[in-house]
Amino acid sequence: MNNVIKIALGAAIILSMGATVASASPDKGKKLYMKKLKSACGISGGAMAGKHTVDEWSELNDAGKIADEIKVICPKVKDGALKGKYLEHYFDFFKEFGSDSGNVPSC
C-alpha cells in the first residue's frame, strides 16, 4: 500500500512540473519576436509591446485577435510567424511589456 501511495505522489509531482515547463513565457515571446517578427515589423520589441496597454493586450487575447493586431501593426509579417503555438508566447511578451507596465525589454 505504501508503494502505491509513493508512486501516485511521484506521478503527481512529475505531472505538475511538466505543466509548468510547458506554459508560455515572456522570455520565449521575446525570443520569438526577435526571430520571427522584428525584421518584418521594423520596430523593437519594446515599441511593439508599447502599442497597447496591458489591459488592451489582454482584451485582444481574450477576443482571439492577437494575430490580427500584429498584422495591422506589421503588414509585412508572414502567416508562418503567426502560428497558434507562437501566439500565447507573443501575448505574454506584449502583456509583460505593455505601455503601462513600466517594464522595458532589452530587444
Protein backbone atom coordinates (compact mmCIF):
# COMPACT_ATOMS: atom_id res chain seq x y z
CA MET A 1 0.00 0.00 0.00
CA ASN A 2 2.85 2.39 0.82
CA ASN A 3 4.41 1.82 -2.58
CA VAL A 4 1.17 2.70 -4.37
CA ILE A 5 0.92 6.00 -2.47
CA LYS A 6 4.56 6.84 -3.20
CA ILE A 7 4.09 6.13 -6.91
CA ALA A 8 0.90 8.22 -7.05
CA LEU A 9 2.56 11.16 -5.29
CA GLY A 10 5.63 10.92 -7.51
CA ALA A 11 3.47 10.90 -10.64
CA ALA A 12 1.52 13.93 -9.40
CA ILE A 13 4.73 15.88 -8.79
CA ILE A 14 6.14 14.99 -12.20
CA LEU A 15 2.90 15.97 -13.95
CA SER A 16 2.69 19.30 -12.14
CA MET A 17 6.29 20.16 -13.05
CA GLY A 18 5.69 19.25 -16.69
CA ALA A 19 2.69 21.54 -16.89
CA THR A 20 4.73 24.45 -15.55
CA VAL A 21 7.51 23.95 -18.08
CA ALA A 22 5.06 23.83 -20.99
CA SER A 23 3.44 27.18 -20.17
CA ALA A 24 4.05 30.35 -22.17
CA SER A 25 6.57 32.92 -21.01
CA PRO A 26 7.58 36.50 -21.80
CA ASP A 27 11.17 35.35 -22.37
CA LYS A 28 10.14 32.87 -25.03
CA GLY A 29 7.86 35.50 -26.55
CA LYS A 30 10.78 37.92 -26.72
CA LYS A 31 12.95 35.35 -28.47
CA LEU A 32 10.17 34.54 -30.93
CA TYR A 33 9.56 38.23 -31.59
CA MET A 34 13.26 38.78 -32.31
CA LYS A 35 13.41 35.77 -34.61
CA LYS A 36 10.05 35.87 -36.40
CA LEU A 37 8.63 39.41 -36.26
CA LYS A 38 11.26 42.09 -35.67
CA SER A 39 12.58 42.32 -39.23
CA ALA A 40 9.09 42.33 -40.73
CA CYS A 41 7.83 44.91 -38.24
CA GLY A 42 10.88 47.13 -38.35
CA ILE A 43 10.47 48.15 -34.69
CA SER A 44 11.92 46.91 -31.44
CA GLY A 45 10.04 44.55 -29.17
CA GLY A 46 9.52 47.31 -26.63
CA ALA A 47 7.99 49.59 -29.25
CA MET A 48 5.73 46.78 -30.43
CA ALA A 49 4.56 45.87 -26.92
CA GLY A 50 4.10 49.57 -26.17
CA LYS A 51 1.48 49.94 -28.91
CA HIS A 52 -1.14 48.90 -26.32
CA THR A 53 -1.62 48.83 -22.58
CA VAL A 54 -1.57 45.59 -20.61
CA ASP A 55 -5.39 45.58 -20.47
CA GLU A 56 -5.70 46.21 -24.20
CA TRP A 57 -3.38 43.28 -24.97
CA SER A 58 -5.46 41.12 -22.60
CA GLU A 59 -8.68 42.13 -24.35
CA LEU A 60 -7.19 41.34 -27.75
CA ASN A 61 -6.04 37.95 -26.49
CA ASP A 62 -9.42 37.15 -24.95
CA ALA A 63 -11.10 38.00 -28.25
CA GLY A 64 -8.60 35.87 -30.18
CA LYS A 65 -7.36 38.86 -32.17
CA ILE A 66 -3.64 38.96 -31.32
CA ALA A 67 -2.68 37.73 -34.80
CA ASP A 68 -4.98 40.27 -36.44
CA GLU A 69 -3.48 43.10 -34.41
CA ILE A 70 0.06 42.02 -35.25
CA LYS A 71 -0.88 42.12 -38.94
CA VAL A 72 -2.35 45.62 -38.54
CA ILE A 73 0.82 46.90 -36.86
CA CYS A 74 3.18 44.88 -39.10
CA PRO A 75 1.56 44.28 -42.51
CA LYS A 76 4.70 42.56 -43.87
CA VAL A 77 4.50 39.68 -41.38
CA LYS A 78 4.13 36.28 -42.99
CA ASP A 79 1.45 33.88 -41.80
CA GLY A 80 4.08 31.33 -40.73
CA ALA A 81 5.19 33.69 -37.95
CA LEU A 82 1.63 33.83 -36.60
CA LYS A 83 1.06 30.15 -35.89
CA GLY A 84 -1.18 29.38 -32.96
CA LYS A 85 1.66 27.88 -30.96
CA TYR A 86 3.53 31.21 -31.09
CA LEU A 87 0.62 33.50 -30.19
CA GLU A 88 0.48 32.63 -26.49
CA HIS A 89 4.16 33.49 -26.18
CA TYR A 90 3.77 36.75 -28.13
CA PHE A 91 0.86 37.65 -25.85
CA ASP A 92 2.85 37.01 -22.68
CA PHE A 93 5.67 39.16 -24.05
CA PHE A 94 3.36 42.00 -25.12
CA LYS A 95 1.48 41.88 -21.83
CA GLU A 96 4.68 41.91 -19.76
CA PHE A 97 5.98 44.98 -21.60
CA GLY A 98 2.73 46.85 -22.43
CA SER A 99 2.84 50.65 -22.48
CA ASP A 100 1.62 50.97 -18.89
CA SER A 101 3.59 48.08 -17.39
CA GLY A 102 6.71 50.05 -16.50
CA ASN A 103 8.89 47.23 -17.88
CA VAL A 104 11.32 47.72 -20.75
CA PRO A 105 12.62 44.73 -22.74
CA SER A 106 16.20 44.51 -23.92
CA CYS A 107 15.43 43.98 -27.58
